[in-house]
Amino acid sequence: MSNTGRVFTFYLAAVGALVLLTLLPGPDVAVVTRFALGGGVAAGARAAVGVVGGLAAWGVLTVVGLAAVLAASATAYTVVKLAGAVFLVGMGVRMLWRSRRRDSLPTDARPAEAGHAARSGLLTNVLNPKIAVFYTGLLPSLVPAGGSPRLWLPLLVLTHAVLSLAWLVGYAAVLSRSRSVLGRPGVRTVLDRVTGCVLIGFGVRVAAEAR
């Protein structure tokens, strides 16, 4: 096999690993769910773009070596972890609180929520130190033997960002098409409460997880 063929094979294997990791449910999916149900595919897509922006931020830090410092520092890791946990729990609590007053409101009663969808998606990942651990721990292992990390790490980060954006926007589109059913006041209230509890659960898990 030629060197080009080996490189392509390594890259396909890396893409396969990144696809599996991308499809794992996490706080980013819960946040996109929240905004896609509330504001449709546009709001869900904004949240997805924010999530990918968070990945890109960690990717840049990984390439320049700062993410490794965070991953190695127990104090810095704990600070970011607790901030992320508070953010997720707070978002979940707000959803539960609002759901108490929305039983008689239509799905689009709060269109202004779409305005901060991207910011919420961004903070969900920026305040998730697990991504720093993932990028500094797993991505280097996906670099082929003899490959330059300076070339491969940005490529892998970009690949992960593209896969994540495609998956989350597609997921938001599927949810938005179901809004005629999912957007009914009673159904929407139940979904908001479930999503709120999921966000709180993710926040608690983030706070309790070790590195």
Protein backbone atom coordinates (compact mmCIF):
# COMPACT_ATOMS: atom_id res chain seq x y z
CA MET A 1 0.00 0.00 0.00
CA SER A 2 1.30 3.46 -0.88
CA ASN A 3 1.98 6.09 1.77
CA THR A 4 -1.06 8.06 0.56
CA GLY A 5 -3.22 4.96 0.92
CA ARG A 6 -2.00 4.35 4.45
CA VAL A 7 -2.68 7.95 5.43
CA PHE A 8 -6.18 7.75 3.98
CA THR A 9 -6.82 4.49 5.83
CA PHE A 10 -5.66 6.03 9.11
CA TYR A 11 -7.89 9.03 8.51
CA LEU A 12 -10.95 6.86 7.81
CA ALA A 13 -10.30 4.95 11.03
CA ALA A 14 -10.05 8.25 12.91
CA VAL A 15 -13.30 9.46 11.34
CA GLY A 16 -15.02 6.25 12.45
CA ALA A 17 -13.89 6.80 16.05
CA LEU A 18 -15.01 10.44 15.95
CA VAL A 19 -18.41 9.49 14.52
CA LEU A 20 -19.04 7.10 17.41
CA LEU A 21 -18.03 9.75 19.94
CA THR A 22 -20.14 12.39 18.21
CA LEU A 23 -23.28 10.26 18.42
CA LEU A 24 -22.94 9.68 22.16
CA PRO A 25 -25.69 11.66 23.96
CA GLY A 26 -24.45 14.47 26.14
CA PRO A 27 -25.31 17.98 27.35
CA ASP A 28 -24.93 19.36 23.82
CA VAL A 29 -27.80 17.16 22.57
CA ALA A 30 -29.98 18.23 25.51
CA VAL A 31 -29.32 21.91 24.79
CA VAL A 32 -30.10 21.51 21.08
CA THR A 33 -33.28 19.65 22.05
CA ARG A 34 -34.35 22.51 24.24
CA PHE A 35 -33.98 25.16 21.56
CA ALA A 36 -35.20 23.05 18.65
CA LEU A 37 -38.45 22.32 20.49
CA GLY A 38 -38.84 25.95 21.50
CA GLY A 39 -37.80 27.79 18.35
CA GLY A 40 -37.65 25.24 15.58
CA VAL A 41 -34.76 24.23 13.36
CA ALA A 42 -33.30 27.78 13.26
CA ALA A 43 -32.94 27.97 17.04
CA GLY A 44 -31.68 24.40 17.20
CA ALA A 45 -29.13 25.13 14.48
CA ARG A 46 -27.93 28.22 16.37
CA ALA A 47 -27.42 26.12 19.46
CA ALA A 48 -25.54 23.55 17.34
CA VAL A 49 -23.28 26.28 15.94
CA GLY A 50 -22.58 27.41 19.50
CA VAL A 51 -21.72 23.86 20.52
CA VAL A 52 -19.30 23.56 17.61
CA GLY A 53 -17.83 26.93 18.54
CA GLY A 54 -17.03 25.47 21.95
CA LEU A 55 -15.37 22.49 20.30
CA ALA A 56 -13.34 24.84 18.11
CA ALA A 57 -12.20 26.82 21.16
CA TRP A 58 -10.98 23.67 22.89
CA GLY A 59 -9.42 22.55 19.61
CA VAL A 60 -7.37 25.71 19.33
CA LEU A 61 -6.27 25.38 22.94
CA THR A 62 -5.30 21.77 22.26
CA VAL A 63 -3.22 22.66 19.23
CA VAL A 64 -1.32 25.36 21.15
CA GLY A 65 -0.93 23.12 24.21
CA LEU A 66 -3.04 25.04 26.74
CA ALA A 67 -5.74 22.37 27.02
CA ALA A 68 -3.13 19.93 28.30
CA VAL A 69 -2.30 22.37 31.08
CA LEU A 70 -5.95 22.53 32.11
CA ALA A 71 -6.35 18.77 31.91
CA ALA A 72 -3.29 18.35 34.16
CA SER A 73 -4.28 21.00 36.72
CA ALA A 74 -6.70 19.69 39.31
CA THR A 75 -7.66 23.19 40.45
CA ALA A 76 -8.31 24.58 36.96
CA TYR A 77 -10.19 21.43 35.98
CA THR A 78 -12.42 21.65 39.08
CA VAL A 79 -13.20 25.34 38.54
CA VAL A 80 -14.26 24.80 34.92
CA LYS A 81 -16.14 21.63 35.84
CA LEU A 82 -18.16 23.29 38.60
CA ALA A 83 -18.92 26.32 36.41
CA GLY A 84 -20.22 24.00 33.73
CA ALA A 85 -22.28 22.05 36.24
CA VAL A 86 -23.87 25.22 37.59
CA PHE A 87 -24.67 26.39 34.07
CA LEU A 88 -26.39 23.11 33.11
CA VAL A 89 -28.30 22.80 36.38
CA GLY A 90 -29.40 26.43 36.12
CA MET A 91 -30.68 25.90 32.58
CA GLY A 92 -32.56 22.79 33.67
CA VAL A 93 -34.12 24.53 36.65
CA ARG A 94 -35.27 27.42 34.45
CA MET A 95 -36.92 24.97 32.07
CA LEU A 96 -38.75 23.27 34.94
CA TRP A 97 -39.87 26.61 36.34
CA ARG A 98 -41.13 27.92 33.01
CA SER A 99 -42.94 24.68 32.26
CA ARG A 100 -45.18 25.32 35.27
CA ARG A 101 -46.56 28.44 33.58
CA ARG A 102 -46.70 27.23 29.97
CA ASP A 103 -49.49 24.65 30.03
CA SER A 104 -51.81 26.99 28.15
CA LEU A 105 -49.21 28.75 25.96
CA PRO A 106 -48.49 27.91 22.31
CA THR A 107 -45.11 26.55 21.30
CA ASP A 108 -43.88 29.82 19.77
CA ALA A 109 -44.94 32.00 22.70
CA ARG A 110 -41.30 32.76 23.51
CA PRO A 111 -39.51 33.37 20.20
CA ALA A 112 -36.85 35.49 21.92
CA GLU A 113 -35.26 32.28 23.24
CA ALA A 114 -33.63 31.74 19.86
CA GLY A 115 -31.51 34.82 20.47
CA HIS A 116 -29.32 33.17 23.08
CA ALA A 117 -29.31 29.66 21.63
CA ALA A 118 -25.81 30.00 20.21
CA ARG A 119 -24.46 31.40 23.45
CA SER A 120 -25.99 28.56 25.45
CA GLY A 121 -24.51 25.99 23.09
CA LEU A 122 -21.12 27.68 23.26
CA LEU A 123 -21.06 27.79 27.06
CA THR A 124 -22.19 24.17 27.28
CA ASN A 125 -18.93 23.05 25.66
CA VAL A 126 -16.58 25.81 26.78
CA LEU A 127 -17.45 24.95 30.38
CA ASN A 128 -17.00 21.21 29.83
CA PRO A 129 -13.41 20.26 30.78
CA LYS A 130 -14.05 16.70 29.61
CA ILE A 131 -13.53 17.99 26.09
CA ALA A 132 -10.04 19.17 27.05
CA VAL A 133 -9.30 15.71 28.41
CA PHE A 134 -10.77 14.12 25.29
CA TYR A 135 -8.81 16.30 22.90
CA THR A 136 -5.50 16.00 24.74
CA GLY A 137 -5.93 12.28 25.47
CA LEU A 138 -7.67 10.70 22.50
CA LEU A 139 -6.86 12.89 19.51
CA PRO A 140 -3.08 12.36 19.72
CA SER A 141 -3.70 8.62 19.65
CA LEU A 142 -5.49 9.04 16.32
CA VAL A 143 -2.44 10.60 14.71
CA PRO A 144 -0.78 7.94 12.50
CA ALA A 145 2.75 6.79 13.26
CA GLY A 146 5.18 9.25 11.78
CA GLY A 147 2.46 11.85 11.22
CA SER A 148 2.97 15.45 12.30
CA PRO A 149 0.71 16.40 15.24
CA ARG A 150 0.80 20.02 14.03
CA LEU A 151 -0.95 18.92 10.86
CA TRP A 152 -3.10 16.08 12.14
CA LEU A 153 -4.52 17.65 15.31
CA PRO A 154 -6.11 20.63 13.50
CA LEU A 155 -7.47 18.23 10.85
CA LEU A 156 -9.00 15.96 13.50
CA VAL A 157 -10.49 18.90 15.41
CA LEU A 158 -11.99 20.25 12.18
CA THR A 159 -13.35 16.80 11.32
CA HIS A 160 -14.96 16.45 14.74
CA ALA A 161 -16.49 19.93 14.45
CA VAL A 162 -17.97 19.19 11.01
CA LEU A 163 -19.37 15.84 12.16
CA SER A 164 -20.87 17.42 15.27
CA LEU A 165 -22.46 20.26 13.32
CA ALA A 166 -23.97 17.89 10.75
CA TRP A 167 -25.33 15.57 13.45
CA LEU A 168 -26.79 18.29 15.68
CA VAL A 169 -28.34 20.33 12.87
CA GLY A 170 -29.84 17.16 11.40
CA TYR A 171 -31.18 16.23 14.83
CA ALA A 172 -32.69 19.71 15.25
CA ALA A 173 -34.33 19.43 11.82
CA VAL A 174 -35.94 16.10 12.74
CA LEU A 175 -37.26 17.55 15.99
CA SER A 176 -38.63 20.66 14.28
CA ARG A 177 -40.58 18.54 11.78
CA SER A 178 -42.31 16.88 14.72
CA ARG A 179 -43.33 20.16 16.32
CA SER A 180 -46.94 19.82 15.16
CA VAL A 181 -47.19 16.99 17.67
CA LEU A 182 -44.40 17.80 20.10
CA GLY A 183 -45.42 21.46 20.21
CA ARG A 184 -48.86 20.83 21.68
CA PRO A 185 -49.06 22.55 25.07
CA GLY A 186 -49.45 19.38 27.13
CA VAL A 187 -46.80 17.43 25.21
CA ARG A 188 -44.44 20.42 25.20
CA THR A 189 -44.77 20.81 28.95
CA VAL A 190 -43.87 17.17 29.52
CA LEU A 191 -40.92 17.38 27.11
CA ASP A 192 -39.65 20.57 28.73
CA ARG A 193 -39.78 18.95 32.14
CA VAL A 194 -38.02 15.84 30.88
CA THR A 195 -35.35 17.94 29.12
CA GLY A 196 -34.96 20.11 32.23
CA CYS A 197 -34.42 17.02 34.38
CA VAL A 198 -31.91 15.67 31.83
CA LEU A 199 -29.96 18.95 31.92
CA ILE A 200 -29.93 18.88 35.71
CA GLY A 201 -28.80 15.26 35.59
CA PHE A 202 -25.95 16.12 33.24
CA GLY A 203 -24.97 19.01 35.49
CA VAL A 204 -24.87 16.78 38.54
CA ARG A 205 -22.88 14.17 36.63
CA VAL A 206 -20.39 16.78 35.43
CA ALA A 207 -19.93 18.01 39.01
CA ALA A 208 -19.43 14.49 40.34
CA GLU A 209 -17.12 13.16 37.64
CA ALA A 210 -13.43 12.75 38.27
CA ARG A 211 -10.93 13.47 35.52
